[in-house]
C-alpha atoms as a PDB file:
ATOM      1  CA  UNK A   1      52.878  36.748  -2.123  1.00  0.00           C
ATOM      2  CA  UNK A   2      54.564  33.718  -0.581  1.00  0.00           C
ATOM      3  CA  UNK A   3      56.033  32.740  -3.978  1.00  0.00           C
ATOM      4  CA  UNK A   4      57.511  36.215  -4.517  1.00  0.00           C
ATOM      5  CA  UNK A   5      54.913  37.368  -7.032  1.00  0.00           C
ATOM      6  CA  UNK A   6      53.375  40.822  -6.800  1.00  0.00           C
ATOM      7  CA  UNK A   7      49.632  41.422  -7.043  1.00  0.00           C
ATOM      8  CA  UNK A   8      47.543  44.589  -6.831  1.00  0.00           C
ATOM      9  CA  UNK A   9      44.235  44.521  -4.967  1.00  0.00           C
ATOM     10  CA  UNK A  10      41.630  47.144  -4.139  1.00  0.00           C
ATOM     11  CA  UNK A  11      40.276  49.924  -6.332  1.00  0.00           C
ATOM     12  CA  UNK A  12      40.426  53.687  -6.799  1.00  0.00           C
ATOM     13  CA  UNK A  13      36.637  53.728  -7.224  1.00  0.00           C
ATOM     14  CA  UNK A  14      34.360  54.538  -4.308  1.00  0.00           C
ATOM     15  CA  UNK A  15      32.327  51.471  -5.250  1.00  0.00           C
ATOM     16  CA  UNK A  16      33.768  48.371  -6.915  1.00  0.00           C
ATOM     17  CA  UNK A  17      32.137  44.972  -6.549  1.00  0.00           C
ATOM     18  CA  UNK A  18      34.263  42.830  -8.900  1.00  0.00           C
ATOM     19  CA  UNK A  19      35.618  39.691  -7.251  1.00  0.00           C
ATOM     20  CA  UNK A  20      36.103  38.929  -3.571  1.00  0.00           C
ATOM     21  CA  UNK A  21      37.214  41.640  -1.142  1.00  0.00           C
ATOM     22  CA  UNK A  22      40.870  40.630  -0.961  1.00  0.00           C
ATOM     23  CA  UNK A  23      41.859  44.046   0.425  1.00  0.00           C
ATOM     24  CA  UNK A  24      40.142  43.492   3.752  1.00  0.00           C
ATOM     25  CA  UNK A  25      41.344  39.886   3.772  1.00  0.00           C
ATOM     26  CA  UNK A  26      45.002  40.930   3.449  1.00  0.00           C
ATOM     27  CA  UNK A  27      44.611  43.798   5.921  1.00  0.00           C
ATOM     28  CA  UNK A  28      43.179  41.433   8.501  1.00  0.00           C
ATOM     29  CA  UNK A  29      45.714  38.645   7.915  1.00  0.00           C
ATOM     30  CA  UNK A  30      48.518  40.170  10.035  1.00  0.00           C
ATOM     31  CA  UNK A  31      51.205  39.083   7.591  1.00  0.00           C
ATOM     32  CA  UNK A  32      50.119  35.452   7.422  1.00  0.00           C
ATOM     33  CA  UNK A  33      48.909  35.641   3.781  1.00  0.00           C
ATOM     34  CA  UNK A  34      51.291  38.144   2.221  1.00  0.00           C
ATOM     35  CA  UNK A  35      53.398  41.253   2.727  1.00  0.00           C
ATOM     36  CA  UNK A  36      52.005  44.705   1.955  1.00  0.00           C
ATOM     37  CA  UNK A  37      54.696  46.633   0.034  1.00  0.00           C
ATOM     38  CA  UNK A  38      52.635  49.663  -0.949  1.00  0.00           C
ATOM     39  CA  UNK A  39      49.328  51.131   0.202  1.00  0.00           C
ATOM     40  CA  UNK A  40      47.126  53.913  -1.146  1.00  0.00           C
ATOM     41  CA  UNK A  41      44.678  55.498   1.267  1.00  0.00           C
ATOM     42  CA  UNK A  42      41.721  57.814   0.782  1.00  0.00           C
ATOM     43  CA  UNK A  43      41.818  61.252   2.403  1.00  0.00           C
ATOM     44  CA  UNK A  44      38.655  62.774   3.845  1.00  0.00           C
ATOM     45  CA  UNK A  45      38.065  66.516   4.292  1.00  0.00           C
ATOM     46  CA  UNK A  46      38.039  68.016   7.765  1.00  0.00           C
ATOM     47  CA  UNK A  47      34.374  68.622   8.717  1.00  0.00           C
ATOM     48  CA  UNK A  48      33.179  72.220   8.457  1.00  0.00           C
ATOM     49  CA  UNK A  49      32.847  74.228  11.690  1.00  0.00           C
ATOM     50  CA  UNK A  50      34.095  73.675  15.231  1.00  0.00           C
ATOM     51  CA  UNK A  51      33.557  70.250  16.781  1.00  0.00           C
ATOM     52  CA  UNK A  52      31.843  69.900  20.131  1.00  0.00           C
ATOM     53  CA  UNK A  53      33.981  68.262  22.815  1.00  0.00           C
ATOM     54  CA  UNK A  54      32.906  67.239  26.274  1.00  0.00           C
ATOM     55  CA  UNK A  55      33.915  65.602  29.527  1.00  0.00           C
ATOM     56  CA  UNK A  56      31.524  63.854  31.871  1.00  0.00           C
ATOM     57  CA  UNK A  57      32.120  62.053  35.171  1.00  0.00           C
ATOM     58  CA  UNK A  58      30.107  59.218  36.690  1.00  0.00           C
ATOM     59  CA  UNK A  59      29.925  57.327  39.967  1.00  0.00           C
ATOM     60  CA  UNK A  60      30.988  54.052  38.286  1.00  0.00           C
ATOM     61  CA  UNK A  61      31.771  52.458  34.916  1.00  0.00           C
ATOM     62  CA  UNK A  62      28.381  50.770  34.709  1.00  0.00           C
ATOM     63  CA  UNK A  63      26.589  54.136  34.814  1.00  0.00           C
ATOM     64  CA  UNK A  64      29.073  55.565  32.297  1.00  0.00           C
ATOM     65  CA  UNK A  65      28.362  52.654  29.953  1.00  0.00           C
ATOM     66  CA  UNK A  66      24.652  53.416  30.102  1.00  0.00           C
ATOM     67  CA  UNK A  67      25.435  57.043  29.244  1.00  0.00           C
ATOM     68  CA  UNK A  68      27.471  55.860  26.255  1.00  0.00           C
ATOM     69  CA  UNK A  69      24.523  53.783  25.042  1.00  0.00           C
ATOM     70  CA  UNK A  70      22.160  56.742  25.344  1.00  0.00           C
ATOM     71  CA  UNK A  71      24.533  59.158  23.606  1.00  0.00           C
ATOM     72  CA  UNK A  72      25.201  56.640  20.817  1.00  0.00           C
ATOM     73  CA  UNK A  73      21.506  56.255  20.112  1.00  0.00           C
ATOM     74  CA  UNK A  74      20.655  59.948  20.336  1.00  0.00           C
ATOM     75  CA  UNK A  75      21.195  60.910  16.691  1.00  0.00           C
ATOM     76  CA  UNK A  76      24.131  63.185  17.595  1.00  0.00           C
ATOM     77  CA  UNK A  77      26.628  60.676  16.103  1.00  0.00           C
ATOM     78  CA  UNK A  78      29.680  61.207  18.346  1.00  0.00           C
ATOM     79  CA  UNK A  79      32.976  60.531  16.558  1.00  0.00           C
ATOM     80  CA  UNK A  80      34.808  59.795  19.810  1.00  0.00           C
ATOM     81  CA  UNK A  81      33.779  58.369  23.176  1.00  0.00           C
ATOM     82  CA  UNK A  82      36.720  57.479  25.394  1.00  0.00           C
ATOM     83  CA  UNK A  83      36.122  55.960  28.823  1.00  0.00           C
ATOM     84  CA  UNK A  84      38.399  55.667  31.867  1.00  0.00           C
ATOM     85  CA  UNK A  85      37.800  53.955  35.197  1.00  0.00           C
ATOM     86  CA  UNK A  86      38.709  55.029  38.745  1.00  0.00           C
ATOM     87  CA  UNK A  87      42.325  53.803  38.745  1.00  0.00           C
ATOM     88  CA  UNK A  88      42.891  55.421  35.354  1.00  0.00           C
ATOM     89  CA  UNK A  89      41.540  58.730  36.686  1.00  0.00           C
ATOM     90  CA  UNK A  90      43.839  58.481  39.710  1.00  0.00           C
ATOM     91  CA  UNK A  91      46.804  57.798  37.410  1.00  0.00           C
ATOM     92  CA  UNK A  92      46.008  60.849  35.275  1.00  0.00           C
ATOM     93  CA  UNK A  93      45.566  63.059  38.337  1.00  0.00           C
ATOM     94  CA  UNK A  94      48.952  61.883  39.573  1.00  0.00           C
ATOM     95  CA  UNK A  95      50.648  62.501  36.206  1.00  0.00           C
ATOM     96  CA  UNK A  96      49.052  65.826  35.304  1.00  0.00           C
ATOM     97  CA  UNK A  97      48.492  67.176  38.850  1.00  0.00           C
ATOM     98  CA  UNK A  98      44.796  67.386  37.992  1.00  0.00           C
ATOM     99  CA  UNK A  99      41.617  66.805  39.972  1.00  0.00           C
ATOM    100  CA  UNK A 100      39.508  64.696  37.622  1.00  0.00           C
ATOM    101  CA  UNK A 101      38.290  62.477  40.457  1.00  0.00           C
ATOM    102  CA  UNK A 102      36.717  65.245  42.514  1.00  0.00           C
ATOM    103  CA  UNK A 103      33.172  64.823  43.764  1.00  0.00           C
ATOM    104  CA  UNK A 104      33.399  61.040  43.965  1.00  0.00           C
ATOM    105  CA  UNK A 105      33.954  60.492  40.246  1.00  0.00           C
ATOM    106  CA  UNK A 106      35.028  56.906  39.547  1.00  0.00           C
ATOM    107  CA  UNK A 107      34.498  56.925  35.766  1.00  0.00           C
ATOM    108  CA  UNK A 108      35.242  59.528  33.119  1.00  0.00           C
ATOM    109  CA  UNK A 109      33.978  59.971  29.558  1.00  0.00           C
ATOM    110  CA  UNK A 110      35.591  62.198  26.918  1.00  0.00           C
ATOM    111  CA  UNK A 111      33.495  62.622  23.779  1.00  0.00           C
ATOM    112  CA  UNK A 112      33.441  64.632  20.579  1.00  0.00           C
ATOM    113  CA  UNK A 113      30.978  65.475  17.818  1.00  0.00           C
ATOM    114  CA  UNK A 114      32.802  66.310  14.575  1.00  0.00           C
ATOM    115  CA  UNK A 115      29.688  67.906  13.132  1.00  0.00           C
ATOM    116  CA  UNK A 116      27.513  69.635  15.719  1.00  0.00           C
ATOM    117  CA  UNK A 117      23.981  70.621  14.711  1.00  0.00           C
ATOM    118  CA  UNK A 118      22.189  73.476  16.448  1.00  0.00           C
ATOM    119  CA  UNK A 119      21.393  72.558  20.029  1.00  0.00           C
ATOM    120  CA  UNK A 120      24.013  69.780  20.203  1.00  0.00           C
ATOM    121  CA  UNK A 121      25.748  71.208  23.273  1.00  0.00           C
ATOM    122  CA  UNK A 122      22.571  71.378  25.350  1.00  0.00           C
ATOM    123  CA  UNK A 123      21.286  68.061  24.011  1.00  0.00           C
ATOM    124  CA  UNK A 124      24.464  66.132  24.859  1.00  0.00           C
ATOM    125  CA  UNK A 125      24.522  67.678  28.343  1.00  0.00           C
ATOM    126  CA  UNK A 126      20.934  66.654  29.026  1.00  0.00           C
ATOM    127  CA  UNK A 127      21.411  63.102  27.725  1.00  0.00           C
ATOM    128  CA  UNK A 128      24.396  62.499  29.994  1.00  0.00           C
ATOM    129  CA  UNK A 129      22.816  64.204  33.001  1.00  0.00           C
ATOM    130  CA  UNK A 130      19.680  62.092  32.567  1.00  0.00           C
ATOM    131  CA  UNK A 131      21.984  59.045  32.357  1.00  0.00           C
ATOM    132  CA  UNK A 132      23.363  59.757  35.827  1.00  0.00           C
ATOM    133  CA  UNK A 133      26.452  61.880  35.122  1.00  0.00           C
ATOM    134  CA  UNK A 134      27.854  63.657  38.175  1.00  0.00           C
ATOM    135  CA  UNK A 135      29.319  66.498  36.107  1.00  0.00           C
ATOM    136  CA  UNK A 136      29.142  67.397  32.418  1.00  0.00           C
ATOM    137  CA  UNK A 137      31.258  69.998  30.624  1.00  0.00           C
ATOM    138  CA  UNK A 138      30.641  70.557  26.904  1.00  0.00           C
ATOM    139  CA  UNK A 139      32.262  73.168  24.671  1.00  0.00           C
ATOM    140  CA  UNK A 140      32.989  74.174  21.081  1.00  0.00           C
ATOM    141  CA  UNK A 141      36.093  76.106  22.205  1.00  0.00           C
ATOM    142  CA  UNK A 142      39.026  74.502  20.283  1.00  0.00           C
ATOM    143  CA  UNK A 143      41.587  75.387  22.988  1.00  0.00           C
ATOM    144  CA  UNK A 144      39.556  73.681  25.711  1.00  0.00           C
ATOM    145  CA  UNK A 145      38.986  70.743  23.381  1.00  0.00           C
ATOM    146  CA  UNK A 146      42.765  70.262  23.037  1.00  0.00           C
ATOM    147  CA  UNK A 147      43.059  70.019  26.838  1.00  0.00           C
ATOM    148  CA  UNK A 148      40.409  67.329  26.934  1.00  0.00           C
ATOM    149  CA  UNK A 149      42.012  65.351  24.113  1.00  0.00           C
ATOM    150  CA  UNK A 150      45.376  65.533  25.912  1.00  0.00           C
ATOM    151  CA  UNK A 151      43.818  63.749  28.882  1.00  0.00           C
ATOM    152  CA  UNK A 152      43.140  60.739  26.660  1.00  0.00           C
ATOM    153  CA  UNK A 153      46.563  60.960  25.021  1.00  0.00           C
ATOM    154  CA  UNK A 154      48.237  60.787  28.450  1.00  0.00           C
ATOM    155  CA  UNK A 155      46.356  57.616  29.359  1.00  0.00           C
ATOM    156  CA  UNK A 156      49.085  55.007  28.833  1.00  0.00           C
ATOM    157  CA  UNK A 157      51.846  57.264  30.132  1.00  0.00           C
ATOM    158  CA  UNK A 158      49.845  57.714  33.332  1.00  0.00           C
ATOM    159  CA  UNK A 159      49.316  53.963  33.755  1.00  0.00           C
ATOM    160  CA  UNK A 160      53.002  53.223  33.123  1.00  0.00           C
ATOM    161  CA  UNK A 161      53.870  55.086  36.323  1.00  0.00           C
ATOM    162  CA  UNK A 162      52.645  52.038  38.252  1.00  0.00           C
ATOM    163  CA  UNK A 163      54.784  49.363  36.580  1.00  0.00           C
ATOM    164  CA  UNK A 164      55.203  47.330  33.404  1.00  0.00           C
ATOM    165  CA  UNK A 165      51.962  47.352  31.451  1.00  0.00           C
ATOM    166  CA  UNK A 166      50.117  44.278  30.226  1.00  0.00           C
ATOM    167  CA  UNK A 167      47.664  45.670  27.660  1.00  0.00           C
ATOM    168  CA  UNK A 168      44.584  43.712  26.602  1.00  0.00           C
ATOM    169  CA  UNK A 169      41.909  44.421  24.018  1.00  0.00           C
ATOM    170  CA  UNK A 170      38.301  43.211  24.006  1.00  0.00           C
ATOM    171  CA  UNK A 171      34.996  44.425  22.582  1.00  0.00           C
ATOM    172  CA  UNK A 172      31.353  43.644  23.254  1.00  0.00           C
ATOM    173  CA  UNK A 173      28.011  44.790  21.802  1.00  0.00           C
ATOM    174  CA  UNK A 174      27.131  48.261  23.114  1.00  0.00           C
ATOM    175  CA  UNK A 175      24.172  46.809  25.012  1.00  0.00           C
ATOM    176  CA  UNK A 176      26.628  44.649  27.002  1.00  0.00           C
ATOM    177  CA  UNK A 177      29.028  47.434  28.013  1.00  0.00           C
ATOM    178  CA  UNK A 178      27.483  47.839  31.498  1.00  0.00           C
ATOM    179  CA  UNK A 179      27.808  44.091  32.076  1.00  0.00           C
ATOM    180  CA  UNK A 180      31.459  44.053  31.011  1.00  0.00           C
ATOM    181  CA  UNK A 181      32.298  47.047  33.208  1.00  0.00           C
ATOM    182  CA  UNK A 182      30.657  45.396  36.217  1.00  0.00           C
ATOM    183  CA  UNK A 183      32.419  42.075  35.584  1.00  0.00           C
ATOM    184  CA  UNK A 184      35.899  43.581  35.275  1.00  0.00           C
ATOM    185  CA  UNK A 185      35.443  45.733  38.383  1.00  0.00           C
ATOM    186  CA  UNK A 186      34.675  42.582  40.386  1.00  0.00           C
ATOM    187  CA  UNK A 187      37.930  40.770  39.551  1.00  0.00           C
ATOM    188  CA  UNK A 188      40.310  40.083  42.436  1.00  0.00           C
ATOM    189  CA  UNK A 189      44.069  40.565  41.955  1.00  0.00           C
ATOM    190  CA  UNK A 190      47.066  40.914  44.258  1.00  0.00           C
ATOM    191  CA  UNK A 191      47.812  44.318  45.842  1.00  0.00           C
ATOM    192  CA  UNK A 192      51.101  44.787  43.949  1.00  0.00           C
ATOM    193  CA  UNK A 193      49.193  44.747  40.636  1.00  0.00           C
ATOM    194  CA  UNK A 194      47.126  47.740  39.512  1.00  0.00           C
ATOM    195  CA  UNK A 195      44.233  47.112  37.127  1.00  0.00           C
ATOM    196  CA  UNK A 196      42.934  49.746  34.711  1.00  0.00           C
ATOM    197  CA  UNK A 197      39.924  49.816  32.417  1.00  0.00           C
ATOM    198  CA  UNK A 198      39.537  52.266  29.580  1.00  0.00           C
ATOM    199  CA  UNK A 199      39.128  52.516  25.866  1.00  0.00           C
ATOM    200  CA  UNK A 200      36.900  53.380  22.971  1.00  0.00           C
ATOM    201  CA  UNK A 201      33.506  52.997  24.579  1.00  0.00           C
ATOM    202  CA  UNK A 202      31.639  54.133  21.464  1.00  0.00           C
ATOM    203  CA  UNK A 203      32.902  50.989  19.696  1.00  0.00           C
ATOM    204  CA  UNK A 204      32.238  48.744  22.677  1.00  0.00           C
ATOM    205  CA  UNK A 205      36.030  48.372  22.810  1.00  0.00           C
ATOM    206  CA  UNK A 206      37.657  48.305  26.259  1.00  0.00           C
ATOM    207  CA  UNK A 207      41.296  47.762  27.222  1.00  0.00           C
ATOM    208  CA  UNK A 208      41.701  45.929  30.546  1.00  0.00           C
ATOM    209  CA  UNK A 209      45.305  46.825  31.392  1.00  0.00           C
ATOM    210  CA  UNK A 210      47.442  45.580  34.268  1.00  0.00           C
ATOM    211  CA  UNK A 211      50.530  47.267  35.722  1.00  0.00           C
ATOM    212  CA  UNK A 212      52.793  44.589  37.195  1.00  0.00           C
ATOM    213  CA  UNK A 213      56.035  45.139  39.166  1.00  0.00           C
ATOM    214  CA  UNK A 214      58.861  46.163  36.816  1.00  0.00           C
ATOM    215  CA  UNK A 215      61.151  43.458  38.214  1.00  0.00           C
ATOM    216  CA  UNK A 216      58.652  40.670  37.466  1.00  0.00           C
ATOM    217  CA  UNK A 217      60.266  37.804  35.553  1.00  0.00           C
ATOM    218  CA  UNK A 218      56.886  36.758  34.154  1.00  0.00           C
ATOM    219  CA  UNK A 219      53.261  37.815  34.167  1.00  0.00           C
ATOM    220  CA  UNK A 220      51.833  36.995  37.636  1.00  0.00           C
ATOM    221  CA  UNK A 221      49.506  34.015  37.733  1.00  0.00           C
ATOM    222  CA  UNK A 222      46.572  36.011  39.117  1.00  0.00           C
ATOM    223  CA  UNK A 223      46.860  38.420  36.168  1.00  0.00           C
ATOM    224  CA  UNK A 224      46.806  35.457  33.767  1.00  0.00           C
ATOM    225  CA  UNK A 225      43.712  34.173  35.549  1.00  0.00           C
ATOM    226  CA  UNK A 226      42.030  37.583  35.416  1.00  0.00           C
ATOM    227  CA  UNK A 227      42.686  37.904  31.672  1.00  0.00           C
ATOM    228  CA  UNK A 228      41.371  34.386  31.023  1.00  0.00           C
ATOM    229  CA  UNK A 229      38.227  35.170  33.012  1.00  0.00           C
ATOM    230  CA  UNK A 230      37.715  38.357  31.000  1.00  0.00           C
ATOM    231  CA  UNK A 231      38.147  36.503  27.690  1.00  0.00           C
ATOM    232  CA  UNK A 232      35.755  33.727  28.756  1.00  0.00           C
ATOM    233  CA  UNK A 233      33.150  36.227  29.885  1.00  0.00           C
ATOM    234  CA  UNK A 234      33.478  38.404  26.769  1.00  0.00           C
ATOM    235  CA  UNK A 235      32.962  35.405  24.476  1.00  0.00           C
ATOM    236  CA  UNK A 236      29.980  34.273  26.552  1.00  0.00           C
ATOM    237  CA  UNK A 237      28.142  37.558  25.869  1.00  0.00           C
ATOM    238  CA  UNK A 238      28.869  37.634  22.134  1.00  0.00           C
ATOM    239  CA  UNK A 239      32.015  39.777  22.226  1.00  0.00           C
ATOM    240  CA  UNK A 240      35.507  39.374  20.815  1.00  0.00           C
ATOM    241  CA  UNK A 241      38.833  38.784  22.561  1.00  0.00           C
ATOM    242  CA  UNK A 242      40.601  41.028  20.037  1.00  0.00           C
ATOM    243  CA  UNK A 243      39.112  44.220  18.662  1.00  0.00           C
ATOM    244  CA  UNK A 244      42.207  46.106  17.469  1.00  0.00           C
ATOM    245  CA  UNK A 245      45.412  44.365  18.488  1.00  0.00           C
ATOM    246  CA  UNK A 246      44.991  41.176  16.513  1.00  0.00           C
ATOM    247  CA  UNK A 247      45.734  37.507  17.128  1.00  0.00           C
ATOM    248  CA  UNK A 248      49.377  36.633  17.536  1.00  0.00           C
ATOM    249  CA  UNK A 249      50.821  33.604  19.264  1.00  0.00           C
ATOM    250  CA  UNK A 250      49.355  34.009  22.744  1.00  0.00           C
ATOM    251  CA  UNK A 251      45.681  34.314  21.808  1.00  0.00           C
ATOM    252  CA  UNK A 252      45.552  31.590  19.136  1.00  0.00           C
ATOM    253  CA  UNK A 253      43.788  29.032  21.342  1.00  0.00           C
ATOM    254  CA  UNK A 254      40.912  31.495  21.884  1.00  0.00           C
ATOM    255  CA  UNK A 255      40.099  31.590  18.156  1.00  0.00           C
ATOM    256  CA  UNK A 256      38.321  28.211  17.988  1.00  0.00           C
ATOM    257  CA  UNK A 257      35.812  28.862  20.799  1.00  0.00           C
ATOM    258  CA  UNK A 258      34.980  32.252  19.304  1.00  0.00           C
ATOM    259  CA  UNK A 259      34.672  31.344  15.616  1.00  0.00           C
ATOM    260  CA  UNK A 260      33.732  27.660  15.730  1.00  0.00           C
ATOM    261  CA  UNK A 261      35.368  24.731  13.933  1.00  0.00           C
ATOM    262  CA  UNK A 262      33.723  25.269  10.527  1.00  0.00           C
ATOM    263  CA  UNK A 263      34.928  28.869  10.213  1.00  0.00           C
ATOM    264  CA  UNK A 264      38.396  27.985  11.507  1.00  0.00           C
ATOM    265  CA  UNK A 265      38.649  25.204   8.902  1.00  0.00           C
ATOM    266  CA  UNK A 266      37.767  27.680   6.131  1.00  0.00           C
ATOM    267  CA  UNK A 267      40.431  30.081   7.385  1.00  0.00           C
ATOM    268  CA  UNK A 268      43.016  27.289   7.351  1.00  0.00           C
ATOM    269  CA  UNK A 269      42.087  26.498   3.750  1.00  0.00           C
ATOM    270  CA  UNK A 270      42.512  30.162   2.813  1.00  0.00           C
ATOM    271  CA  UNK A 271      45.944  30.158   4.457  1.00  0.00           C
ATOM    272  CA  UNK A 272      46.943  27.084   2.424  1.00  0.00           C
ATOM    273  CA  UNK A 273      45.903  28.714  -0.871  1.00  0.00           C
ATOM    274  CA  UNK A 274      47.924  31.873  -0.218  1.00  0.00           C
ATOM    275  CA  UNK A 275      50.831  30.235   1.590  1.00  0.00           C
ATOM    276  CA  UNK A 276      51.077  26.482   0.842  1.00  0.00           C
ATOM    277  CA  UNK A 277      54.522  26.149   2.432  1.00  0.00           C
ATOM    278  CA  UNK A 278      53.523  28.037   5.615  1.00  0.00           C
ATOM    279  CA  UNK A 279      56.375  30.551   5.445  1.00  0.00           C
ATOM    280  CA  UNK A 280      54.368  33.757   5.998  1.00  0.00           C
ATOM    281  CA  UNK A 281      54.415  34.572   9.728  1.00  0.00           C
ATOM    282  CA  UNK A 282      53.862  30.919  10.701  1.00  0.00           C
ATOM    283  CA  UNK A 283      52.294  29.959  14.009  1.00  0.00           C
ATOM    284  CA  UNK A 284      50.124  33.092  14.208  1.00  0.00           C
ATOM    285  CA  UNK A 285      46.484  34.062  13.689  1.00  0.00           C
ATOM    286  CA  UNK A 286      44.832  30.622  13.297  1.00  0.00           C
ATOM    287  CA  UNK A 287      45.817  27.568  15.321  1.00  0.00           C
END
């Protein structure tokens, strides 16, 4: 704690409802309420059987987003749905000497079912084909699955070929994914900047990334404007301007319009209780 004392929070029980959930509070505080010095995590068994892994291509990100919605609501419960837009596909083709963009593909979806019931391969194929997929490849072959997973793992390395990366992180309700994809694709930026869109589509979590010239002294103004437009739009449709990466110094002024003054005031009061002298990562998280 800020005064140097040591407390233990959380429980070894699967269910424990005594007191407030301080564990999630500390985890989400990004070092502004205390410092985690030790953590115990729960291990889960690897699911029985071979997972089903697939790759599908679409004519655009809007159509892909509709496919994600349909697969999410199918009862197949995919554990992974990773989406990449046209520029991301081109970057991967350039890095891996692949041909992911063949046949006019401008959006790519990699998905996996950890537990695959009978008929899952055919069912997932049909759902995505009916959603407008150009191509669908689904397999329970673990070697082929590794190749598909590597495509996603190479994502940032592929983008970094084009310059210094500015990585952003937003999320919207699944029903709004097509709208977000359409909005981002319509943004105008200078030719020396390359924009990418990809991320964890099953969570509604997209990363609008921008590769700027490596010799840039600062982030170009049009990139700043594009990011601000994305944040404004995401908040207008009930999304969040930070899904995974957190709120540091740069995004603090976006907290108030998203949470509202009453919630922000409560968060400030919580900060004062834990850290009355404001010495724990000051100037971050809540403005």
